[in-house]
Amino acid sequence: RRRNKIKQAISIVKALQSNTFLVTSKAKIAQQDQEHKFVY
């Protein structure tokens, strides 16, 4: 379980918007933010 439910919810919203639930390298995370426009 996770104590901070706000951060947990933010994590799933971002994952759903990019359809990315698992990333194995930091480079891919940076690339994902460049290629996908996240909407609050």
PDB file of all heavy atoms in Angstrom:
ATOM      1  N   ARG A   1       0.824  -1.203   0.000  1.00  0.00           N
ATOM      2  CA  ARG A   1       0.000   0.000   0.000  1.00  0.00           C
ATOM      3  C   ARG A   1       0.861   1.257   0.000  1.00  0.00           C
ATOM      4  O   ARG A   1       2.067   1.189   0.205  1.00  0.00           O
ATOM      5  CB  ARG A   1      -0.952  -0.020   1.200  1.00  0.00           C
ATOM      6  CG  ARG A   1      -0.294  -0.177   2.540  1.00  0.00           C
ATOM      7  CD  ARG A   1      -1.279  -0.601   3.608  1.00  0.00           C
ATOM      8  NE  ARG A   1      -2.496   0.199   3.592  1.00  0.00           N
ATOM      9  CZ  ARG A   1      -3.407   0.201   4.554  1.00  0.00           C
ATOM     10  NH1 ARG A   1      -3.251  -0.573   5.620  1.00  0.00           N
ATOM     11  NH2 ARG A   1      -4.481   0.940   4.483  1.00  0.00           N
ATOM     12  N   ARG A   2       0.207   2.375  -0.221  1.00  0.00           N
ATOM     13  CA  ARG A   2       0.914   3.650  -0.347  1.00  0.00           C
ATOM     14  C   ARG A   2       0.193   4.702   0.486  1.00  0.00           C
ATOM     15  O   ARG A   2      -1.037   4.835   0.401  1.00  0.00           O
ATOM     16  CB  ARG A   2       0.953   4.067  -1.824  1.00  0.00           C
ATOM     17  CG  ARG A   2       1.798   5.266  -2.145  1.00  0.00           C
ATOM     18  CD  ARG A   2       1.987   5.360  -3.661  1.00  0.00           C
ATOM     19  NE  ARG A   2       2.732   6.552  -4.046  1.00  0.00           N
ATOM     20  CZ  ARG A   2       3.194   6.787  -5.272  1.00  0.00           C
ATOM     21  NH1 ARG A   2       2.988   5.880  -6.221  1.00  0.00           N
ATOM     22  NH2 ARG A   2       3.864   7.892  -5.545  1.00  0.00           N
ATOM     23  N   ARG A   3       0.930   5.432   1.292  1.00  0.00           N
ATOM     24  CA  ARG A   3       0.305   6.404   2.194  1.00  0.00           C
ATOM     25  C   ARG A   3      -0.248   7.611   1.427  1.00  0.00           C
ATOM     26  O   ARG A   3      -1.359   8.065   1.708  1.00  0.00           O
ATOM     27  CB  ARG A   3       1.320   6.886   3.238  1.00  0.00           C
ATOM     28  CG  ARG A   3       1.705   5.835   4.261  1.00  0.00           C
ATOM     29  CD  ARG A   3       2.530   6.442   5.389  1.00  0.00           C
ATOM     30  NE  ARG A   3       2.901   5.429   6.367  1.00  0.00           N
ATOM     31  CZ  ARG A   3       4.029   4.728   6.331  1.00  0.00           C
ATOM     32  NH1 ARG A   3       4.898   4.950   5.341  1.00  0.00           N
ATOM     33  NH2 ARG A   3       4.289   3.813   7.237  1.00  0.00           N
ATOM     34  N   ASN A   4       0.534   8.150   0.520  1.00  0.00           N
ATOM     35  CA  ASN A   4       0.130   9.389  -0.143  1.00  0.00           C
ATOM     36  C   ASN A   4      -0.748   9.064  -1.351  1.00  0.00           C
ATOM     37  O   ASN A   4      -0.270   8.770  -2.442  1.00  0.00           O
ATOM     38  CB  ASN A   4       1.358  10.184  -0.580  1.00  0.00           C
ATOM     39  CG  ASN A   4       1.001  11.626  -0.910  1.00  0.00           C
ATOM     40  OD1 ASN A   4       0.021  11.889  -1.599  1.00  0.00           O
ATOM     41  ND2 ASN A   4       1.793  12.565  -0.418  1.00  0.00           N
ATOM     42  N   LYS A   5      -2.059   9.113  -1.127  1.00  0.00           N
ATOM     43  CA  LYS A   5      -3.005   8.752  -2.167  1.00  0.00           C
ATOM     44  C   LYS A   5      -3.093   9.809  -3.266  1.00  0.00           C
ATOM     45  O   LYS A   5      -3.506   9.497  -4.399  1.00  0.00           O
ATOM     46  CB  LYS A   5      -4.386   8.501  -1.557  1.00  0.00           C
ATOM     47  CG  LYS A   5      -4.475   7.185  -0.794  1.00  0.00           C
ATOM     48  CD  LYS A   5      -4.408   6.011  -1.747  1.00  0.00           C
ATOM     49  CE  LYS A   5      -4.460   4.662  -1.063  1.00  0.00           C
ATOM     50  NZ  LYS A   5      -3.210   4.317  -0.384  1.00  0.00           N
ATOM     51  N   ILE A   6      -2.738  11.040  -2.975  1.00  0.00           N
ATOM     52  CA  ILE A   6      -2.739  12.060  -4.020  1.00  0.00           C
ATOM     53  C   ILE A   6      -1.654  11.727  -5.042  1.00  0.00           C
ATOM     54  O   ILE A   6      -1.900  11.710  -6.254  1.00  0.00           O
ATOM     55  CB  ILE A   6      -2.506  13.465  -3.434  1.00  0.00           C
ATOM     56  CG1 ILE A   6      -3.522  13.780  -2.344  1.00  0.00           C
ATOM     57  CG2 ILE A   6      -2.573  14.518  -4.546  1.00  0.00           C
ATOM     58  CD1 ILE A   6      -3.270  15.088  -1.618  1.00  0.00           C
ATOM     59  N   LYS A   7      -0.454  11.422  -4.571  1.00  0.00           N
ATOM     60  CA  LYS A   7       0.631  11.064  -5.483  1.00  0.00           C
ATOM     61  C   LYS A   7       0.341   9.753  -6.213  1.00  0.00           C
ATOM     62  O   LYS A   7       0.690   9.598  -7.391  1.00  0.00           O
ATOM     63  CB  LYS A   7       1.956  10.971  -4.716  1.00  0.00           C
ATOM     64  CG  LYS A   7       2.472  12.320  -4.235  1.00  0.00           C
ATOM     65  CD  LYS A   7       3.852  12.203  -3.600  1.00  0.00           C
ATOM     66  CE  LYS A   7       4.382  13.581  -3.216  1.00  0.00           C
ATOM     67  NZ  LYS A   7       5.746  13.502  -2.630  1.00  0.00           N
ATOM     68  N   GLN A   8      -0.286   8.831  -5.528  1.00  0.00           N
ATOM     69  CA  GLN A   8      -0.646   7.566  -6.164  1.00  0.00           C
ATOM     70  C   GLN A   8      -1.646   7.803  -7.293  1.00  0.00           C
ATOM     71  O   GLN A   8      -1.533   7.217  -8.382  1.00  0.00           O
ATOM     72  CB  GLN A   8      -1.231   6.608  -5.134  1.00  0.00           C
ATOM     73  CG  GLN A   8      -1.494   5.203  -5.668  1.00  0.00           C
ATOM     74  CD  GLN A   8      -2.014   4.260  -4.593  1.00  0.00           C
ATOM     75  OE1 GLN A   8      -2.156   4.648  -3.422  1.00  0.00           O
ATOM     76  NE2 GLN A   8      -2.301   3.025  -4.969  1.00  0.00           N
ATOM     77  N   ALA A   9      -2.628   8.672  -7.044  1.00  0.00           N
ATOM     78  CA  ALA A   9      -3.626   8.982  -8.067  1.00  0.00           C
ATOM     79  C   ALA A   9      -2.993   9.716  -9.244  1.00  0.00           C
ATOM     80  O   ALA A   9      -3.317   9.438 -10.407  1.00  0.00           O
ATOM     81  CB  ALA A   9      -4.746   9.823  -7.454  1.00  0.00           C
ATOM     82  N   ILE A  10      -2.104  10.635  -8.966  1.00  0.00           N
ATOM     83  CA  ILE A  10      -1.408  11.345 -10.033  1.00  0.00           C
ATOM     84  C   ILE A  10      -0.623  10.360 -10.895  1.00  0.00           C
ATOM     85  O   ILE A  10      -0.609  10.456 -12.133  1.00  0.00           O
ATOM     86  CB  ILE A  10      -0.474  12.424  -9.448  1.00  0.00           C
ATOM     87  CG1 ILE A  10      -1.298  13.593  -8.903  1.00  0.00           C
ATOM     88  CG2 ILE A  10       0.539  12.924 -10.497  1.00  0.00           C
ATOM     89  CD1 ILE A  10      -0.500  14.600  -8.091  1.00  0.00           C
ATOM     90  N   SER A  11      -0.006   9.398 -10.267  1.00  0.00           N
ATOM     91  CA  SER A  11       0.778   8.403 -10.991  1.00  0.00           C
ATOM     92  C   SER A  11      -0.077   7.619 -11.972  1.00  0.00           C
ATOM     93  O   SER A  11       0.312   7.404 -13.132  1.00  0.00           O
ATOM     94  CB  SER A  11       1.451   7.451 -10.002  1.00  0.00           C
ATOM     95  OG  SER A  11       2.211   6.470 -10.678  1.00  0.00           O
ATOM     96  N   ILE A  12      -1.270   7.187 -11.556  1.00  0.00           N
ATOM     97  CA  ILE A  12      -2.115   6.405 -12.461  1.00  0.00           C
ATOM     98  C   ILE A  12      -2.682   7.280 -13.568  1.00  0.00           C
ATOM     99  O   ILE A  12      -2.817   6.834 -14.721  1.00  0.00           O
ATOM    100  CB  ILE A  12      -3.257   5.685 -11.697  1.00  0.00           C
ATOM    101  CG1 ILE A  12      -3.952   4.647 -12.594  1.00  0.00           C
ATOM    102  CG2 ILE A  12      -4.282   6.669 -11.165  1.00  0.00           C
ATOM    103  CD1 ILE A  12      -3.122   3.489 -12.986  1.00  0.00           C
ATOM    104  N   VAL A  13      -3.005   8.542 -13.271  1.00  0.00           N
ATOM    105  CA  VAL A  13      -3.541   9.434 -14.306  1.00  0.00           C
ATOM    106  C   VAL A  13      -2.488   9.657 -15.394  1.00  0.00           C
ATOM    107  O   VAL A  13      -2.783   9.597 -16.595  1.00  0.00           O
ATOM    108  CB  VAL A  13      -4.007  10.771 -13.696  1.00  0.00           C
ATOM    109  CG1 VAL A  13      -4.334  11.782 -14.790  1.00  0.00           C
ATOM    110  CG2 VAL A  13      -5.229  10.549 -12.810  1.00  0.00           C
ATOM    111  N   LYS A  14      -1.249   9.884 -15.001  1.00  0.00           N
ATOM    112  CA  LYS A  14      -0.174  10.042 -15.988  1.00  0.00           C
ATOM    113  C   LYS A  14       0.029   8.763 -16.794  1.00  0.00           C
ATOM    114  O   LYS A  14       0.216   8.790 -18.011  1.00  0.00           O
ATOM    115  CB  LYS A  14       1.133  10.424 -15.293  1.00  0.00           C
ATOM    116  CG  LYS A  14       1.278  11.898 -14.952  1.00  0.00           C
ATOM    117  CD  LYS A  14       2.696  12.213 -14.496  1.00  0.00           C
ATOM    118  CE  LYS A  14       3.702  12.009 -15.605  1.00  0.00           C
ATOM    119  NZ  LYS A  14       5.099  12.143 -15.139  1.00  0.00           N
ATOM    120  N   ALA A  15       0.012   7.626 -16.105  1.00  0.00           N
ATOM    121  CA  ALA A  15       0.211   6.348 -16.791  1.00  0.00           C
ATOM    122  C   ALA A  15      -0.891   6.094 -17.813  1.00  0.00           C
ATOM    123  O   ALA A  15      -0.631   5.617 -18.925  1.00  0.00           O
ATOM    124  CB  ALA A  15       0.271   5.215 -15.769  1.00  0.00           C
ATOM    125  N   LEU A  16      -2.131   6.434 -17.449  1.00  0.00           N
ATOM    126  CA  LEU A  16      -3.251   6.231 -18.368  1.00  0.00           C
ATOM    127  C   LEU A  16      -3.161   7.169 -19.568  1.00  0.00           C
ATOM    128  O   LEU A  16      -3.472   6.781 -20.699  1.00  0.00           O
ATOM    129  CB  LEU A  16      -4.575   6.443 -17.631  1.00  0.00           C
ATOM    130  CG  LEU A  16      -4.954   5.353 -16.619  1.00  0.00           C
ATOM    131  CD1 LEU A  16      -6.115   5.821 -15.748  1.00  0.00           C
ATOM    132  CD2 LEU A  16      -5.311   4.049 -17.333  1.00  0.00           C
ATOM    133  N   GLN A  17      -2.732   8.396 -19.330  1.00  0.00           N
ATOM    134  CA  GLN A  17      -2.633   9.354 -20.432  1.00  0.00           C
ATOM    135  C   GLN A  17      -1.567   8.957 -21.446  1.00  0.00           C
ATOM    136  O   GLN A  17      -1.723   9.185 -22.650  1.00  0.00           O
ATOM    137  CB  GLN A  17      -2.358  10.760 -19.889  1.00  0.00           C
ATOM    138  CG  GLN A  17      -3.555  11.391 -19.213  1.00  0.00           C
ATOM    139  CD  GLN A  17      -3.323  12.855 -18.861  1.00  0.00           C
ATOM    140  OE1 GLN A  17      -2.364  13.483 -19.319  1.00  0.00           O
ATOM    141  NE2 GLN A  17      -4.224  13.410 -18.051  1.00  0.00           N
ATOM    142  N   SER A  18      -0.483   8.356 -20.987  1.00  0.00           N
ATOM    143  CA  SER A  18       0.609   7.967 -21.885  1.00  0.00           C
ATOM    144  C   SER A  18       0.579   6.490 -22.248  1.00  0.00           C
ATOM    145  O   SER A  18       1.382   6.038 -23.065  1.00  0.00           O
ATOM    146  CB  SER A  18       1.956   8.290 -21.237  1.00  0.00           C
ATOM    147  OG  SER A  18       2.118   7.536 -20.040  1.00  0.00           O
ATOM    148  N   ASN A  19      -0.355   5.748 -21.598  1.00  0.00           N
ATOM    149  CA  ASN A  19      -0.418   4.297 -21.776  1.00  0.00           C
ATOM    150  C   ASN A  19       0.929   3.647 -21.472  1.00  0.00           C
ATOM    151  O   ASN A  19       1.360   2.698 -22.147  1.00  0.00           O
ATOM    152  CB  ASN A  19      -0.887   3.931 -23.186  1.00  0.00           C
ATOM    153  CG  ASN A  19      -1.317   2.474 -23.287  1.00  0.00           C
ATOM    154  OD1 ASN A  19      -1.820   1.894 -22.320  1.00  0.00           O
ATOM    155  ND2 ASN A  19      -1.116   1.870 -24.442  1.00  0.00           N
ATOM    156  N   THR A  20       1.600   4.146 -20.437  1.00  0.00           N
ATOM    157  CA  THR A  20       2.904   3.627 -20.026  1.00  0.00           C
ATOM    158  C   THR A  20       2.854   3.343 -18.532  1.00  0.00           C
ATOM    159  O   THR A  20       2.748   4.260 -17.723  1.00  0.00           O
ATOM    160  CB  THR A  20       4.024   4.645 -20.316  1.00  0.00           C
ATOM    161  OG1 THR A  20       3.999   4.976 -21.707  1.00  0.00           O
ATOM    162  CG2 THR A  20       5.383   4.061 -19.954  1.00  0.00           C
ATOM    163  N   PHE A  21       2.936   2.056 -18.175  1.00  0.00           N
ATOM    164  CA  PHE A  21       2.804   1.656 -16.782  1.00  0.00           C
ATOM    165  C   PHE A  21       4.108   1.110 -16.206  1.00  0.00           C
ATOM    166  O   PHE A  21       4.214   0.899 -15.008  1.00  0.00           O
ATOM    167  CB  PHE A  21       1.693   0.609 -16.642  1.00  0.00           C
ATOM    168  CG  PHE A  21       0.345   1.147 -17.025  1.00  0.00           C
ATOM    169  CD1 PHE A  21      -0.091   1.105 -18.343  1.00  0.00           C
ATOM    170  CD2 PHE A  21      -0.477   1.723 -16.073  1.00  0.00           C
ATOM    171  CE1 PHE A  21      -1.326   1.617 -18.694  1.00  0.00           C
ATOM    172  CE2 PHE A  21      -1.720   2.233 -16.420  1.00  0.00           C
ATOM    173  CZ  PHE A  21      -2.141   2.183 -17.731  1.00  0.00           C
ATOM    174  N   LEU A  22       5.082   0.885 -17.064  1.00  0.00           N
ATOM    175  CA  LEU A  22       6.363   0.352 -16.611  1.00  0.00           C
ATOM    176  C   LEU A  22       7.459   0.879 -17.522  1.00  0.00           C
ATOM    177  O   LEU A  22       7.364   0.771 -18.752  1.00  0.00           O
ATOM    178  CB  LEU A  22       6.355  -1.179 -16.646  1.00  0.00           C
ATOM    179  CG  LEU A  22       7.676  -1.887 -16.312  1.00  0.00           C
ATOM    180  CD1 LEU A  22       8.063  -1.619 -14.858  1.00  0.00           C
ATOM    181  CD2 LEU A  22       7.564  -3.380 -16.580  1.00  0.00           C
ATOM    182  N   VAL A  23       8.482   1.467 -16.917  1.00  0.00           N
ATOM    183  CA  VAL A  23       9.623   1.981 -17.665  1.00  0.00           C
ATOM    184  C   VAL A  23      10.891   1.424 -17.035  1.00  0.00           C
ATOM    185  O   VAL A  23      11.030   1.419 -15.812  1.00  0.00           O
ATOM    186  CB  VAL A  23       9.658   3.528 -17.661  1.00  0.00           C
ATOM    187  CG1 VAL A  23      10.872   4.037 -18.424  1.00  0.00           C
ATOM    188  CG2 VAL A  23       8.391   4.092 -18.280  1.00  0.00           C
ATOM    189  N   THR A  24      11.803   0.951 -17.868  1.00  0.00           N
ATOM    190  CA  THR A  24      13.000   0.289 -17.349  1.00  0.00           C
ATOM    191  C   THR A  24      14.253   1.154 -17.389  1.00  0.00           C
ATOM    192  O   THR A  24      15.307   0.729 -16.925  1.00  0.00           O
ATOM    193  CB  THR A  24      13.277  -1.008 -18.133  1.00  0.00           C
ATOM    194  OG1 THR A  24      13.401  -0.688 -19.532  1.00  0.00           O
ATOM    195  CG2 THR A  24      12.134  -1.995 -17.950  1.00  0.00           C
ATOM    196  N   SER A  25      14.156   2.372 -17.927  1.00  0.00           N
ATOM    197  CA  SER A  25      15.343   3.242 -17.943  1.00  0.00           C
ATOM    198  C   SER A  25      14.926   4.691 -17.754  1.00  0.00           C
ATOM    199  O   SER A  25      13.848   5.111 -18.171  1.00  0.00           O
ATOM    200  CB  SER A  25      16.122   3.093 -19.258  1.00  0.00           C
ATOM    201  OG  SER A  25      15.445   3.734 -20.315  1.00  0.00           O
ATOM    202  N   LYS A  26      15.792   5.476 -17.127  1.00  0.00           N
ATOM    203  CA  LYS A  26      15.518   6.895 -16.906  1.00  0.00           C
ATOM    204  C   LYS A  26      15.451   7.651 -18.228  1.00  0.00           C
ATOM    205  O   LYS A  26      14.721   8.637 -18.362  1.00  0.00           O
ATOM    206  CB  LYS A  26      16.583   7.492 -15.987  1.00  0.00           C
ATOM    207  CG  LYS A  26      16.527   6.954 -14.568  1.00  0.00           C
ATOM    208  CD  LYS A  26      17.585   7.597 -13.684  1.00  0.00           C
ATOM    209  CE  LYS A  26      17.488   7.042 -12.248  1.00  0.00           C
ATOM    210  NZ  LYS A  26      18.522   7.632 -11.360  1.00  0.00           N
ATOM    211  N   ALA A  27      16.215   7.192 -19.216  1.00  0.00           N
ATOM    212  CA  ALA A  27      16.201   7.850 -20.524  1.00  0.00           C
ATOM    213  C   ALA A  27      14.822   7.769 -21.151  1.00  0.00           C
ATOM    214  O   ALA A  27      14.333   8.722 -21.767  1.00  0.00           O
ATOM    215  CB  ALA A  27      17.241   7.217 -21.440  1.00  0.00           C
ATOM    216  N   LYS A  28      14.153   6.622 -20.990  1.00  0.00           N
ATOM    217  CA  LYS A  28      12.821   6.459 -21.562  1.00  0.00           C
ATOM    218  C   LYS A  28      11.796   7.341 -20.852  1.00  0.00           C
ATOM    219  O   LYS A  28      10.836   7.798 -21.460  1.00  0.00           O
ATOM    220  CB  LYS A  28      12.405   4.994 -21.495  1.00  0.00           C
ATOM    221  CG  LYS A  28      13.154   4.107 -22.479  1.00  0.00           C
ATOM    222  CD  LYS A  28      12.634   2.677 -22.453  1.00  0.00           C
ATOM    223  CE  LYS A  28      13.364   1.819 -23.473  1.00  0.00           C
ATOM    224  NZ  LYS A  28      12.887   0.411 -23.471  1.00  0.00           N
ATOM    225  N   ILE A  29      12.002   7.579 -19.551  1.00  0.00           N
ATOM    226  CA  ILE A  29      11.094   8.470 -18.822  1.00  0.00           C
ATOM    227  C   ILE A  29      11.209   9.887 -19.358  1.00  0.00           C
ATOM    228  O   ILE A  29      10.215  10.576 -19.596  1.00  0.00           O
ATOM    229  CB  ILE A  29      11.398   8.430 -17.316  1.00  0.00           C
ATOM    230  CG1 ILE A  29      11.105   7.037 -16.749  1.00  0.00           C
ATOM    231  CG2 ILE A  29      10.574   9.477 -16.567  1.00  0.00           C
ATOM    232  CD1 ILE A  29      11.499   6.865 -15.304  1.00  0.00           C
ATOM    233  N   ALA A  30      12.453  10.339 -19.571  1.00  0.00           N
ATOM    234  CA  ALA A  30      12.675  11.676 -20.124  1.00  0.00           C
ATOM    235  C   ALA A  30      12.083  11.789 -21.528  1.00  0.00           C
ATOM    236  O   ALA A  30      11.456  12.791 -21.882  1.00  0.00           O
ATOM    237  CB  ALA A  30      14.173  11.979 -20.148  1.00  0.00           C
ATOM    238  N   GLN A  31      12.257  10.749 -22.328  1.00  0.00           N
ATOM    239  CA  GLN A  31      11.715  10.739 -23.684  1.00  0.00           C
ATOM    240  C   GLN A  31      10.186  10.782 -23.652  1.00  0.00           C
ATOM    241  O   GLN A  31       9.561  11.484 -24.455  1.00  0.00           O
ATOM    242  CB  GLN A  31      12.180   9.482 -24.417  1.00  0.00           C
ATOM    243  CG  GLN A  31      11.681   9.382 -25.852  1.00  0.00           C
ATOM    244  CD  GLN A  31      12.120   8.087 -26.519  1.00  0.00           C
ATOM    245  OE1 GLN A  31      12.721   7.224 -25.898  1.00  0.00           O
ATOM    246  NE2 GLN A  31      11.816   7.952 -27.796  1.00  0.00           N
ATOM    247  N   GLN A  32       9.599  10.066 -22.723  1.00  0.00           N
ATOM    248  CA  GLN A  32       8.145  10.036 -22.609  1.00  0.00           C
ATOM    249  C   GLN A  32       7.597  11.428 -22.334  1.00  0.00           C
ATOM    250  O   GLN A  32       6.590  11.838 -22.922  1.00  0.00           O
ATOM    251  CB  GLN A  32       7.757   9.095 -21.476  1.00  0.00           C
ATOM    252  CG  GLN A  32       6.290   9.102 -21.106  1.00  0.00           C
ATOM    253  CD  GLN A  32       6.018   8.268 -19.866  1.00  0.00           C
ATOM    254  OE1 GLN A  32       6.196   7.068 -19.876  1.00  0.00           O
ATOM    255  NE2 GLN A  32       5.609   8.935 -18.804  1.00  0.00           N
ATOM    256  N   ASP A  33       8.240  12.186 -21.446  1.00  0.00           N
ATOM    257  CA  ASP A  33       7.767  13.533 -21.129  1.00  0.00           C
ATOM    258  C   ASP A  33       7.921  14.477 -22.316  1.00  0.00           C
ATOM    259  O   ASP A  33       7.140  15.415 -22.485  1.00  0.00           O
ATOM    260  CB  ASP A  33       8.524  14.083 -19.916  1.00  0.00           C
ATOM    261  CG  ASP A  33       7.720  13.923 -18.637  1.00  0.00           C
ATOM    262  OD1 ASP A  33       6.887  12.992 -18.597  1.00  0.00           O
ATOM    263  OD2 ASP A  33       7.915  14.699 -17.693  1.00  0.00           O
ATOM    264  N   GLN A  34       8.930  14.238 -23.137  1.00  0.00           N
ATOM    265  CA  GLN A  34       9.126  15.085 -24.314  1.00  0.00           C
ATOM    266  C   GLN A  34       8.094  14.790 -25.392  1.00  0.00           C
ATOM    267  O   GLN A  34       7.624  15.690 -26.083  1.00  0.00           O
ATOM    268  CB  GLN A  34      10.542  14.863 -24.884  1.00  0.00           C
ATOM    269  CG  GLN A  34      11.653  15.370 -23.978  1.00  0.00           C
ATOM    270  CD  GLN A  34      13.026  14.966 -24.491  1.00  0.00           C
ATOM    271  OE1 GLN A  34      13.158  14.295 -25.505  1.00  0.00           O
ATOM    272  NE2 GLN A  34      14.064  15.380 -23.780  1.00  0.00           N
ATOM    273  N   GLU A  35       7.706  13.508 -25.509  1.00  0.00           N
ATOM    274  CA  GLU A  35       6.834  13.101 -26.601  1.00  0.00           C
ATOM    275  C   GLU A  35       5.350  13.201 -26.268  1.00  0.00           C
ATOM    276  O   GLU A  35       4.522  13.275 -27.170  1.00  0.00           O
ATOM    277  CB  GLU A  35       7.163  11.656 -27.001  1.00  0.00           C
ATOM    278  CG  GLU A  35       8.559  11.502 -27.602  1.00  0.00           C
ATOM    279  CD  GLU A  35       8.869  10.060 -27.946  1.00  0.00           C
ATOM    280  OE1 GLU A  35       8.072   9.177 -27.561  1.00  0.00           O
ATOM    281  OE2 GLU A  35       9.900   9.814 -28.597  1.00  0.00           O
ATOM    282  N   HIS A  36       5.016  13.197 -24.969  1.00  0.00           N
ATOM    283  CA  HIS A  36       3.605  13.184 -24.599  1.00  0.00           C
ATOM    284  C   HIS A  36       3.261  14.428 -23.795  1.00  0.00           C
ATOM    285  O   HIS A  36       3.950  14.778 -22.842  1.00  0.00           O
ATOM    286  CB  HIS A  36       3.276  11.936 -23.773  1.00  0.00           C
ATOM    287  CG  HIS A  36       1.817  11.790 -23.508  1.00  0.00           C
ATOM    288  ND1 HIS A  36       0.958  11.164 -24.380  1.00  0.00           N
ATOM    289  CD2 HIS A  36       1.046  12.230 -22.482  1.00  0.00           C
ATOM    290  CE1 HIS A  36      -0.261  11.207 -23.901  1.00  0.00           C
ATOM    291  NE2 HIS A  36      -0.238  11.851 -22.744  1.00  0.00           N
ATOM    292  N   LYS A  37       2.185  15.084 -24.177  1.00  0.00           N
ATOM    293  CA  LYS A  37       1.713  16.258 -23.450  1.00  0.00           C
ATOM    294  C   LYS A  37       0.707  15.820 -22.397  1.00  0.00           C
ATOM    295  O   LYS A  37      -0.420  15.445 -22.711  1.00  0.00           O
ATOM    296  CB  LYS A  37       1.077  17.260 -24.412  1.00  0.00           C
ATOM    297  CG  LYS A  37       0.655  18.554 -23.711  1.00  0.00           C
ATOM    298  CD  LYS A  37       0.077  19.549 -24.702  1.00  0.00           C
ATOM    299  CE  LYS A  37      -0.332  20.840 -23.984  1.00  0.00           C
ATOM    300  NZ  LYS A  37      -0.919  21.825 -24.921  1.00  0.00           N
ATOM    301  N   PHE A  38       1.122  15.869 -21.135  1.00  0.00           N
ATOM    302  CA  PHE A  38       0.230  15.484 -20.045  1.00  0.00           C
ATOM    303  C   PHE A  38      -0.716  16.636 -19.702  1.00  0.00           C
ATOM    304  O   PHE A  38      -0.329  17.806 -19.749  1.00  0.00           O
ATOM    305  CB  PHE A  38       1.050  15.105 -18.807  1.00  0.00           C
ATOM    306  CG  PHE A  38       1.827  13.822 -18.975  1.00  0.00           C
ATOM    307  CD1 PHE A  38       3.191  13.850 -19.212  1.00  0.00           C
ATOM    308  CD2 PHE A  38       1.182  12.598 -18.908  1.00  0.00           C
ATOM    309  CE1 PHE A  38       3.906  12.681 -19.376  1.00  0.00           C
ATOM    310  CE2 PHE A  38       1.896  11.421 -19.066  1.00  0.00           C
ATOM    311  CZ  PHE A  38       3.259  11.453 -19.306  1.00  0.00           C
ATOM    312  N   VAL A  39      -1.944  16.286 -19.378  1.00  0.00           N
ATOM    313  CA  VAL A  39      -2.976  17.280 -19.080  1.00  0.00           C
ATOM    314  C   VAL A  39      -3.455  17.071 -17.648  1.00  0.00           C
ATOM    315  O   VAL A  39      -3.944  15.987 -17.300  1.00  0.00           O
ATOM    316  CB  VAL A  39      -4.155  17.166 -20.060  1.00  0.00           C
ATOM    317  CG1 VAL A  39      -5.233  18.183 -19.698  1.00  0.00           C
ATOM    318  CG2 VAL A  39      -3.680  17.347 -21.493  1.00  0.00           C
ATOM    319  N   TYR A  40      -3.311  18.087 -16.826  1.00  0.00           N
ATOM    320  CA  TYR A  40      -3.764  18.020 -15.434  1.00  0.00           C
ATOM    321  C   TYR A  40      -5.276  17.805 -15.398  1.00  0.00           C
ATOM    322  O   TYR A  40      -6.041  18.516 -16.048  1.00  0.00           O
ATOM    323  CB  TYR A  40      -3.404  19.309 -14.712  1.00  0.00           C
ATOM    324  CG  TYR A  40      -3.857  19.374 -13.279  1.00  0.00           C
ATOM    325  CD1 TYR A  40      -3.146  18.716 -12.276  1.00  0.00           C
ATOM    326  CD2 TYR A  40      -4.989  20.100 -12.918  1.00  0.00           C
ATOM    327  CE1 TYR A  40      -3.551  18.777 -10.957  1.00  0.00           C
ATOM    328  CE2 TYR A  40      -5.404  20.171 -11.592  1.00  0.00           C
ATOM    329  CZ  TYR A  40      -4.683  19.508 -10.621  1.00  0.00           C
ATOM    330  OH  TYR A  40      -5.086  19.572  -9.312  1.00  0.00           O
TER     331      TYR A  40
END
